[in-house]
Each structure stands twice: as structure tokens, then as C-alpha cells.
Amino acid sequence: MRQLIKPKEVVIERETFSDTYGRFIIEPLERGYGITLGNSLRRILLSSISGAAVTAVKIEGVSHEFSTISGVKEDVLQIIQNLKR
């Protein structure tokens, strides 16, 4: 059975630090592990960013998203898609 290559060092480049950037070097890694580790870190960091999103829309007199509203050019589906932008 082959031994897994474990990282020997983690280098933090302090001169690159700013409010929005930091560089960390972890080496050596098994082939393909850098991508896996990078994707995991990216997803964790993105999930910790606070933000706002539309989670529900209620329009009086509209029963579903394929309805139309009299006097309005767009249908409900187009209005909802515009709110997502």
C-alpha cells in the first residue's frame, strides 16, 4: 500500500496580506489534491460572506408564476427573474 504524501510545511506570505487578499502555500500535495483543497476553501469562504437574496415573492391577485397581471407588460415569471438580478 502506497503512503499518502503529507504536506511538510505551510507558508503564510505576510507581505501579501491585505483586507481582501492573502497567500498561503501548502506543499507538497498529492496530485489533484490542490484543486480539491482549493475548491473546498473557496466554498467555505463564499458561504461565510453575508449578503441578501429574494427568497419569496407574493403578488396580490396572482396564483402562480405563469400568471399575467393586467396593465403590466411583463408576466410574473419575468418580474421574478428581474428581482433575482
PDB file of N, CA and C in Angstrom:
ATOM      1  N   MET A   1       0.834  -1.184   0.000  1.00  0.00           N
ATOM      2  CA  MET A   1       0.000   0.000   0.000  1.00  0.00           C
ATOM      3  C   MET A   1       0.880   1.249   0.000  1.00  0.00           C
ATOM      4  N   ARG A   2       0.567   2.179  -0.885  1.00  0.00           N
ATOM      5  CA  ARG A   2       1.339   3.403  -1.042  1.00  0.00           C
ATOM      6  C   ARG A   2       0.996   4.408   0.056  1.00  0.00           C
ATOM      7  N   GLN A   3       2.003   5.082   0.564  1.00  0.00           N
ATOM      8  CA  GLN A   3       1.801   6.102   1.597  1.00  0.00           C
ATOM      9  C   GLN A   3       1.313   7.409   0.966  1.00  0.00           C
ATOM     10  N   LEU A   4       0.412   8.065   1.644  1.00  0.00           N
ATOM     11  CA  LEU A   4      -0.107   9.356   1.212  1.00  0.00           C
ATOM     12  C   LEU A   4       0.931  10.438   1.508  1.00  0.00           C
ATOM     13  N   ILE A   5       1.188  11.279   0.518  1.00  0.00           N
ATOM     14  CA  ILE A   5       2.126  12.391   0.722  1.00  0.00           C
ATOM     15  C   ILE A   5       1.447  13.438   1.599  1.00  0.00           C
ATOM     16  N   LYS A   6       2.086  13.765   2.706  1.00  0.00           N
ATOM     17  CA  LYS A   6       1.533  14.765   3.623  1.00  0.00           C
ATOM     18  C   LYS A   6       2.302  16.076   3.463  1.00  0.00           C
ATOM     19  N   PRO A   7       1.603  17.196   3.562  1.00  0.00           N
ATOM     20  CA  PRO A   7       2.297  18.488   3.466  1.00  0.00           C
ATOM     21  C   PRO A   7       3.349  18.622   4.557  1.00  0.00           C
ATOM     22  N   LYS A   8       4.534  19.104   4.161  1.00  0.00           N
ATOM     23  CA  LYS A   8       5.622  19.265   5.120  1.00  0.00           C
ATOM     24  C   LYS A   8       5.636  20.645   5.745  1.00  0.00           C
ATOM     25  N   GLU A   9       5.086  21.629   5.008  1.00  0.00           N
ATOM     26  CA  GLU A   9       5.079  22.980   5.559  1.00  0.00           C
ATOM     27  C   GLU A   9       3.920  23.800   5.012  1.00  0.00           C
ATOM     28  N   VAL A  10       3.518  24.760   5.810  1.00  0.00           N
ATOM     29  CA  VAL A  10       2.522  25.744   5.403  1.00  0.00           C
ATOM     30  C   VAL A  10       3.191  27.106   5.548  1.00  0.00           C
ATOM     31  N   VAL A  11       3.283  27.823   4.431  1.00  0.00           N
ATOM     32  CA  VAL A  11       3.929  29.135   4.432  1.00  0.00           C
ATOM     33  C   VAL A  11       2.848  30.197   4.285  1.00  0.00           C
ATOM     34  N   ILE A  12       2.875  31.168   5.169  1.00  0.00           N
ATOM     35  CA  ILE A  12       1.959  32.303   5.089  1.00  0.00           C
ATOM     36  C   ILE A  12       2.782  33.508   4.656  1.00  0.00           C
ATOM     37  N   GLU A  13       2.496  34.017   3.458  1.00  0.00           N
ATOM     38  CA  GLU A  13       3.229  35.178   2.954  1.00  0.00           C
ATOM     39  C   GLU A  13       2.609  36.446   3.527  1.00  0.00           C
ATOM     40  N   ARG A  14       3.158  36.917   4.617  1.00  0.00           N
ATOM     41  CA  ARG A  14       2.590  38.060   5.322  1.00  0.00           C
ATOM     42  C   ARG A  14       2.684  39.360   4.519  1.00  0.00           C
ATOM     43  N   GLU A  15       3.658  39.462   3.635  1.00  0.00           N
ATOM     44  CA  GLU A  15       3.791  40.700   2.848  1.00  0.00           C
ATOM     45  C   GLU A  15       2.683  40.852   1.812  1.00  0.00           C
ATOM     46  N   THR A  16       1.941  39.776   1.525  1.00  0.00           N
ATOM     47  CA  THR A  16       0.847  39.864   0.547  1.00  0.00           C
ATOM     48  C   THR A  16      -0.496  40.136   1.211  1.00  0.00           C
ATOM     49  N   PHE A  17      -0.534  40.159   2.533  1.00  0.00           N
ATOM     50  CA  PHE A  17      -1.807  40.323   3.239  1.00  0.00           C
ATOM     51  C   PHE A  17      -2.417  41.699   3.014  1.00  0.00           C
ATOM     52  N   SER A  18      -3.722  41.708   2.819  1.00  0.00           N
ATOM     53  CA  SER A  18      -4.499  42.948   2.790  1.00  0.00           C
ATOM     54  C   SER A  18      -5.886  42.600   3.323  1.00  0.00           C
ATOM     55  N   ASP A  19      -6.802  43.546   3.258  1.00  0.00           N
ATOM     56  CA  ASP A  19      -8.170  43.266   3.710  1.00  0.00           C
ATOM     57  C   ASP A  19      -8.872  42.252   2.821  1.00  0.00           C
ATOM     58  N   THR A  20      -8.425  42.138   1.574  1.00  0.00           N
ATOM     59  CA  THR A  20      -9.117  41.265   0.618  1.00  0.00           C
ATOM     60  C   THR A  20      -8.242  40.167   0.037  1.00  0.00           C
ATOM     61  N   TYR A  21      -6.991  40.052   0.460  1.00  0.00           N
ATOM     62  CA  TYR A  21      -6.095  39.077  -0.168  1.00  0.00           C
ATOM     63  C   TYR A  21      -5.109  38.524   0.846  1.00  0.00           C
ATOM     64  N   GLY A  22      -4.796  37.265   0.711  1.00  0.00           N
ATOM     65  CA  GLY A  22      -3.772  36.612   1.498  1.00  0.00           C
ATOM     66  C   GLY A  22      -3.274  35.408   0.731  1.00  0.00           C
ATOM     67  N   ARG A  23      -2.001  35.087   0.859  1.00  0.00           N
ATOM     68  CA  ARG A  23      -1.446  33.955   0.124  1.00  0.00           C
ATOM     69  C   ARG A  23      -0.871  32.948   1.108  1.00  0.00           C
ATOM     70  N   PHE A  24      -1.318  31.693   0.934  1.00  0.00           N
ATOM     71  CA  PHE A  24      -0.868  30.586   1.760  1.00  0.00           C
ATOM     72  C   PHE A  24      -0.302  29.520   0.831  1.00  0.00           C
ATOM     73  N   ILE A  25       0.833  28.955   1.180  1.00  0.00           N
ATOM     74  CA  ILE A  25       1.448  27.906   0.363  1.00  0.00           C
ATOM     75  C   ILE A  25       1.526  26.642   1.206  1.00  0.00           C
ATOM     76  N   ILE A  26       0.882  25.585   0.709  1.00  0.00           N
ATOM     77  CA  ILE A  26       0.890  24.282   1.382  1.00  0.00           C
ATOM     78  C   ILE A  26       1.521  23.301   0.404  1.00  0.00           C
ATOM     79  N   GLU A  27       2.656  22.698   0.798  1.00  0.00           N
ATOM     80  CA  GLU A  27       3.328  21.775  -0.108  1.00  0.00           C
ATOM     81  C   GLU A  27       4.111  20.724   0.638  1.00  0.00           C
ATOM     82  N   PRO A  28       4.383  19.598   0.026  1.00  0.00           N
ATOM     83  CA  PRO A  28       3.839  19.072  -1.226  1.00  0.00           C
ATOM     84  C   PRO A  28       2.467  18.441  -0.992  1.00  0.00           C
ATOM     85  N   LEU A  29       1.704  18.309  -2.068  1.00  0.00           N
ATOM     86  CA  LEU A  29       0.399  17.651  -2.019  1.00  0.00           C
ATOM     87  C   LEU A  29       0.350  16.554  -3.076  1.00  0.00           C
ATOM     88  N   GLU A  30      -0.487  15.555  -2.834  1.00  0.00           N
ATOM     89  CA  GLU A  30      -0.718  14.519  -3.839  1.00  0.00           C
ATOM     90  C   GLU A  30      -1.280  15.163  -5.098  1.00  0.00           C
ATOM     91  N   ARG A  31      -1.080  14.518  -6.219  1.00  0.00           N
ATOM     92  CA  ARG A  31      -1.596  15.019  -7.499  1.00  0.00           C
ATOM     93  C   ARG A  31      -3.118  15.160  -7.414  1.00  0.00           C
ATOM     94  N   GLY A  32      -3.640  16.343  -7.771  1.00  0.00           N
ATOM     95  CA  GLY A  32      -5.076  16.595  -7.764  1.00  0.00           C
ATOM     96  C   GLY A  32      -5.616  17.107  -6.439  1.00  0.00           C
ATOM     97  N   TYR A  33      -4.839  17.006  -5.369  1.00  0.00           N
ATOM     98  CA  TYR A  33      -5.318  17.444  -4.057  1.00  0.00           C
ATOM     99  C   TYR A  33      -5.377  18.965  -3.943  1.00  0.00           C
ATOM    100  N   GLY A  34      -4.545  19.668  -4.686  1.00  0.00           N
ATOM    101  CA  GLY A  34      -4.563  21.131  -4.644  1.00  0.00           C
ATOM    102  C   GLY A  34      -5.893  21.685  -5.117  1.00  0.00           C
ATOM    103  N   ILE A  35      -6.417  21.104  -6.198  1.00  0.00           N
ATOM    104  CA  ILE A  35      -7.712  21.538  -6.723  1.00  0.00           C
ATOM    105  C   ILE A  35      -8.817  21.225  -5.717  1.00  0.00           C
ATOM    106  N   THR A  36      -8.777  20.021  -5.150  1.00  0.00           N
ATOM    107  CA  THR A  36      -9.787  19.625  -4.167  1.00  0.00           C
ATOM    108  C   THR A  36      -9.754  20.541  -2.945  1.00  0.00           C
ATOM    109  N   LEU A  37      -8.579  20.795  -2.435  1.00  0.00           N
ATOM    110  CA  LEU A  37      -8.420  21.658  -1.266  1.00  0.00           C
ATOM    111  C   LEU A  37      -8.832  23.095  -1.585  1.00  0.00           C
ATOM    112  N   GLY A  38      -8.433  23.584  -2.755  1.00  0.00           N
ATOM    113  CA  GLY A  38      -8.786  24.945  -3.168  1.00  0.00           C
ATOM    114  C   GLY A  38     -10.285  25.135  -3.317  1.00  0.00           C
ATOM    115  N   ASN A  39     -10.969  24.161  -3.944  1.00  0.00           N
ATOM    116  CA  ASN A  39     -12.423  24.254  -4.106  1.00  0.00           C
ATOM    117  C   ASN A  39     -13.130  24.239  -2.757  1.00  0.00           C
ATOM    118  N   SER A  40     -12.660  23.398  -1.850  1.00  0.00           N
ATOM    119  CA  SER A  40     -13.266  23.338  -0.516  1.00  0.00           C
ATOM    120  C   SER A  40     -13.104  24.668   0.217  1.00  0.00           C
ATOM    121  N   LEU A  41     -11.915  25.229   0.183  1.00  0.00           N
ATOM    122  CA  LEU A  41     -11.679  26.523   0.838  1.00  0.00           C
ATOM    123  C   LEU A  41     -12.523  27.626   0.210  1.00  0.00           C
ATOM    124  N   ARG A  42     -12.611  27.628  -1.121  1.00  0.00           N
ATOM    125  CA  ARG A  42     -13.410  28.644  -1.816  1.00  0.00           C
ATOM    126  C   ARG A  42     -14.868  28.569  -1.398  1.00  0.00           C
ATOM    127  N   ARG A  43     -15.419  27.348  -1.339  1.00  0.00           N
ATOM    128  CA  ARG A  43     -16.830  27.189  -0.964  1.00  0.00           C
ATOM    129  C   ARG A  43     -17.073  27.622   0.478  1.00  0.00           C
ATOM    130  N   ILE A  44     -16.154  27.286   1.362  1.00  0.00           N
ATOM    131  CA  ILE A  44     -16.289  27.684   2.767  1.00  0.00           C
ATOM    132  C   ILE A  44     -16.252  29.208   2.893  1.00  0.00           C
ATOM    133  N   LEU A  45     -15.304  29.843   2.212  1.00  0.00           N
ATOM    134  CA  LEU A  45     -15.183  31.302   2.291  1.00  0.00           C
ATOM    135  C   LEU A  45     -16.389  31.998   1.677  1.00  0.00           C
ATOM    136  N   LEU A  46     -16.870  31.506   0.533  1.00  0.00           N
ATOM    137  CA  LEU A  46     -18.035  32.123  -0.101  1.00  0.00           C
ATOM    138  C   LEU A  46     -19.294  31.969   0.749  1.00  0.00           C
ATOM    139  N   SER A  47     -19.416  30.832   1.438  1.00  0.00           N
ATOM    140  CA  SER A  47     -20.610  30.627   2.263  1.00  0.00           C
ATOM    141  C   SER A  47     -20.603  31.504   3.511  1.00  0.00           C
ATOM    142  N   SER A  48     -19.439  32.015   3.891  1.00  0.00           N
ATOM    143  CA  SER A  48     -19.374  32.853   5.093  1.00  0.00           C
ATOM    144  C   SER A  48     -19.578  34.337   4.792  1.00  0.00           C
ATOM    145  N   ILE A  49     -19.686  34.699   3.510  1.00  0.00           N
ATOM    146  CA  ILE A  49     -19.924  36.094   3.140  1.00  0.00           C
ATOM    147  C   ILE A  49     -21.406  36.403   3.329  1.00  0.00           C
ATOM    148  N   SER A  50     -21.682  37.453   4.070  1.00  0.00           N
ATOM    149  CA  SER A  50     -23.083  37.809   4.274  1.00  0.00           C
ATOM    150  C   SER A  50     -23.605  38.556   3.059  1.00  0.00           C
ATOM    151  N   GLY A  51     -24.884  38.398   2.806  1.00  0.00           N
ATOM    152  CA  GLY A  51     -25.495  39.055   1.660  1.00  0.00           C
ATOM    153  C   GLY A  51     -27.003  38.995   1.777  1.00  0.00           C
ATOM    154  N   ALA A  52     -27.673  39.415   0.729  1.00  0.00           N
ATOM    155  CA  ALA A  52     -29.133  39.413   0.721  1.00  0.00           C
ATOM    156  C   ALA A  52     -29.619  38.745  -0.555  1.00  0.00           C
ATOM    157  N   ALA A  53     -30.767  38.098  -0.462  1.00  0.00           N
ATOM    158  CA  ALA A  53     -31.355  37.444  -1.632  1.00  0.00           C
ATOM    159  C   ALA A  53     -32.865  37.400  -1.477  1.00  0.00           C
ATOM    160  N   VAL A  54     -33.554  37.448  -2.602  1.00  0.00           N
ATOM    161  CA  VAL A  54     -35.010  37.312  -2.597  1.00  0.00           C
ATOM    162  C   VAL A  54     -35.318  35.834  -2.394  1.00  0.00           C
ATOM    163  N   THR A  55     -36.111  35.518  -1.373  1.00  0.00           N
ATOM    164  CA  THR A  55     -36.455  34.119  -1.102  1.00  0.00           C
ATOM    165  C   THR A  55     -37.917  33.820  -1.378  1.00  0.00           C
ATOM    166  N   ALA A  56     -38.755  34.841  -1.438  1.00  0.00           N
ATOM    167  CA  ALA A  56     -40.179  34.631  -1.713  1.00  0.00           C
ATOM    168  C   ALA A  56     -40.765  35.905  -2.307  1.00  0.00           C
ATOM    169  N   VAL A  57     -41.769  35.708  -3.172  1.00  0.00           N
ATOM    170  CA  VAL A  57     -42.468  36.837  -3.786  1.00  0.00           C
ATOM    171  C   VAL A  57     -43.957  36.554  -3.697  1.00  0.00           C
ATOM    172  N   LYS A  58     -44.717  37.526  -3.216  1.00  0.00           N
ATOM    173  CA  LYS A  58     -46.170  37.387  -3.155  1.00  0.00           C
ATOM    174  C   LYS A  58     -46.784  38.618  -3.804  1.00  0.00           C
ATOM    175  N   ILE A  59     -47.573  38.383  -4.848  1.00  0.00           N
ATOM    176  CA  ILE A  59     -48.228  39.473  -5.567  1.00  0.00           C
ATOM    177  C   ILE A  59     -49.730  39.261  -5.443  1.00  0.00           C
ATOM    178  N   GLU A  60     -50.409  40.263  -4.947  1.00  0.00           N
ATOM    179  CA  GLU A  60     -51.854  40.163  -4.736  1.00  0.00           C
ATOM    180  C   GLU A  60     -52.572  39.874  -6.056  1.00  0.00           C
ATOM    181  N   GLY A  61     -53.432  38.873  -6.051  1.00  0.00           N
ATOM    182  CA  GLY A  61     -54.211  38.508  -7.231  1.00  0.00           C
ATOM    183  C   GLY A  61     -53.498  37.566  -8.185  1.00  0.00           C
ATOM    184  N   VAL A  62     -52.296  37.116  -7.827  1.00  0.00           N
ATOM    185  CA  VAL A  62     -51.532  36.203  -8.686  1.00  0.00           C
ATOM    186  C   VAL A  62     -51.443  34.850  -7.994  1.00  0.00           C
ATOM    187  N   SER A  63     -51.886  33.790  -8.701  1.00  0.00           N
ATOM    188  CA  SER A  63     -51.907  32.465  -8.082  1.00  0.00           C
ATOM    189  C   SER A  63     -50.637  31.657  -8.352  1.00  0.00           C
ATOM    190  N   HIS A  64     -49.951  31.911  -9.462  1.00  0.00           N
ATOM    191  CA  HIS A  64     -48.711  31.183  -9.766  1.00  0.00           C
ATOM    192  C   HIS A  64     -47.824  32.027 -10.682  1.00  0.00           C
ATOM    193  N   GLU A  65     -46.576  31.556 -10.885  1.00  0.00           N
ATOM    194  CA  GLU A  65     -45.603  32.381 -11.611  1.00  0.00           C
ATOM    195  C   GLU A  65     -45.880  32.534 -13.102  1.00  0.00           C
ATOM    196  N   PHE A  66     -46.782  31.742 -13.665  1.00  0.00           N
ATOM    197  CA  PHE A  66     -47.086  31.847 -15.094  1.00  0.00           C
ATOM    198  C   PHE A  66     -48.293  32.747 -15.368  1.00  0.00           C
ATOM    199  N   SER A  67     -48.805  33.385 -14.331  1.00  0.00           N
ATOM    200  CA  SER A  67     -49.945  34.298 -14.476  1.00  0.00           C
ATOM    201  C   SER A  67     -49.512  35.600 -15.136  1.00  0.00           C
ATOM    202  N   THR A  68     -50.507  36.354 -15.567  1.00  0.00           N
ATOM    203  CA  THR A  68     -50.250  37.702 -16.078  1.00  0.00           C
ATOM    204  C   THR A  68     -50.974  38.700 -15.185  1.00  0.00           C
ATOM    205  N   ILE A  69     -50.481  39.915 -15.171  1.00  0.00           N
ATOM    206  CA  ILE A  69     -51.095  40.976 -14.380  1.00  0.00           C
ATOM    207  C   ILE A  69     -51.618  42.011 -15.369  1.00  0.00           C
ATOM    208  N   SER A  70     -52.896  42.344 -15.247  1.00  0.00           N
ATOM    209  CA  SER A  70     -53.466  43.308 -16.192  1.00  0.00           C
ATOM    210  C   SER A  70     -52.794  44.667 -16.030  1.00  0.00           C
ATOM    211  N   GLY A  71     -52.454  45.273 -17.163  1.00  0.00           N
ATOM    212  CA  GLY A  71     -51.798  46.572 -17.151  1.00  0.00           C
ATOM    213  C   GLY A  71     -50.287  46.509 -17.013  1.00  0.00           C
ATOM    214  N   VAL A  72     -49.725  45.295 -16.856  1.00  0.00           N
ATOM    215  CA  VAL A  72     -48.272  45.135 -16.718  1.00  0.00           C
ATOM    216  C   VAL A  72     -47.755  44.401 -17.949  1.00  0.00           C
ATOM    217  N   LYS A  73     -46.709  44.934 -18.559  1.00  0.00           N
ATOM    218  CA  LYS A  73     -46.179  44.370 -19.799  1.00  0.00           C
ATOM    219  C   LYS A  73     -45.547  42.987 -19.586  1.00  0.00           C
ATOM    220  N   GLU A  74     -44.754  42.823 -18.517  1.00  0.00           N
ATOM    221  CA  GLU A  74     -44.080  41.557 -18.240  1.00  0.00           C
ATOM    222  C   GLU A  74     -45.022  40.593 -17.535  1.00  0.00           C
ATOM    223  N   ASP A  75     -44.781  39.294 -17.747  1.00  0.00           N
ATOM    224  CA  ASP A  75     -45.531  38.321 -16.958  1.00  0.00           C
ATOM    225  C   ASP A  75     -44.819  38.137 -15.621  1.00  0.00           C
ATOM    226  N   VAL A  76     -45.451  37.413 -14.721  1.00  0.00           N
ATOM    227  CA  VAL A  76     -44.922  37.261 -13.356  1.00  0.00           C
ATOM    228  C   VAL A  76     -43.550  36.598 -13.371  1.00  0.00           C
ATOM    229  N   LEU A  77     -43.346  35.616 -14.243  1.00  0.00           N
ATOM    230  CA  LEU A  77     -42.057  34.930 -14.326  1.00  0.00           C
ATOM    231  C   LEU A  77     -40.931  35.909 -14.671  1.00  0.00           C
ATOM    232  N   GLN A  78     -41.164  36.813 -15.600  1.00  0.00           N
ATOM    233  CA  GLN A  78     -40.151  37.817 -15.958  1.00  0.00           C
ATOM    234  C   GLN A  78     -39.883  38.778 -14.800  1.00  0.00           C
ATOM    235  N   ILE A  79     -40.917  39.138 -14.069  1.00  0.00           N
ATOM    236  CA  ILE A  79     -40.739  40.023 -12.905  1.00  0.00           C
ATOM    237  C   ILE A  79     -39.866  39.337 -11.861  1.00  0.00           C
ATOM    238  N   ILE A  80     -40.140  38.062 -11.602  1.00  0.00           N
ATOM    239  CA  ILE A  80     -39.351  37.308 -10.617  1.00  0.00           C
ATOM    240  C   ILE A  80     -37.897  37.194 -11.074  1.00  0.00           C
ATOM    241  N   GLN A  81     -37.677  36.916 -12.351  1.00  0.00           N
ATOM    242  CA  GLN A  81     -36.308  36.822 -12.868  1.00  0.00           C
ATOM    243  C   GLN A  81     -35.578  38.156 -12.737  1.00  0.00           C
ATOM    244  N   ASN A  82     -36.275  39.260 -12.941  1.00  0.00           N
ATOM    245  CA  ASN A  82     -35.657  40.581 -12.771  1.00  0.00           C
ATOM    246  C   ASN A  82     -35.309  40.858 -11.313  1.00  0.00           C
ATOM    247  N   LEU A  83     -36.104  40.350 -10.378  1.00  0.00           N
ATOM    248  CA  LEU A  83     -35.805  40.539  -8.956  1.00  0.00           C
ATOM    249  C   LEU A  83     -34.545  39.778  -8.546  1.00  0.00           C
ATOM    250  N   LYS A  84     -34.249  38.679  -9.226  1.00  0.00           N
ATOM    251  CA  LYS A  84     -33.073  37.873  -8.894  1.00  0.00           C
ATOM    252  C   LYS A  84     -31.769  38.561  -9.292  1.00  0.00           C
ATOM    253  N   ARG A  85     -31.826  39.525 -10.206  1.00  0.00           N
ATOM    254  CA  ARG A  85     -30.600  40.187 -10.680  1.00  0.00           C
ATOM    255  C   ARG A  85     -30.039  41.131  -9.672  1.00  0.00           C
TER     256      ARG A  85
END
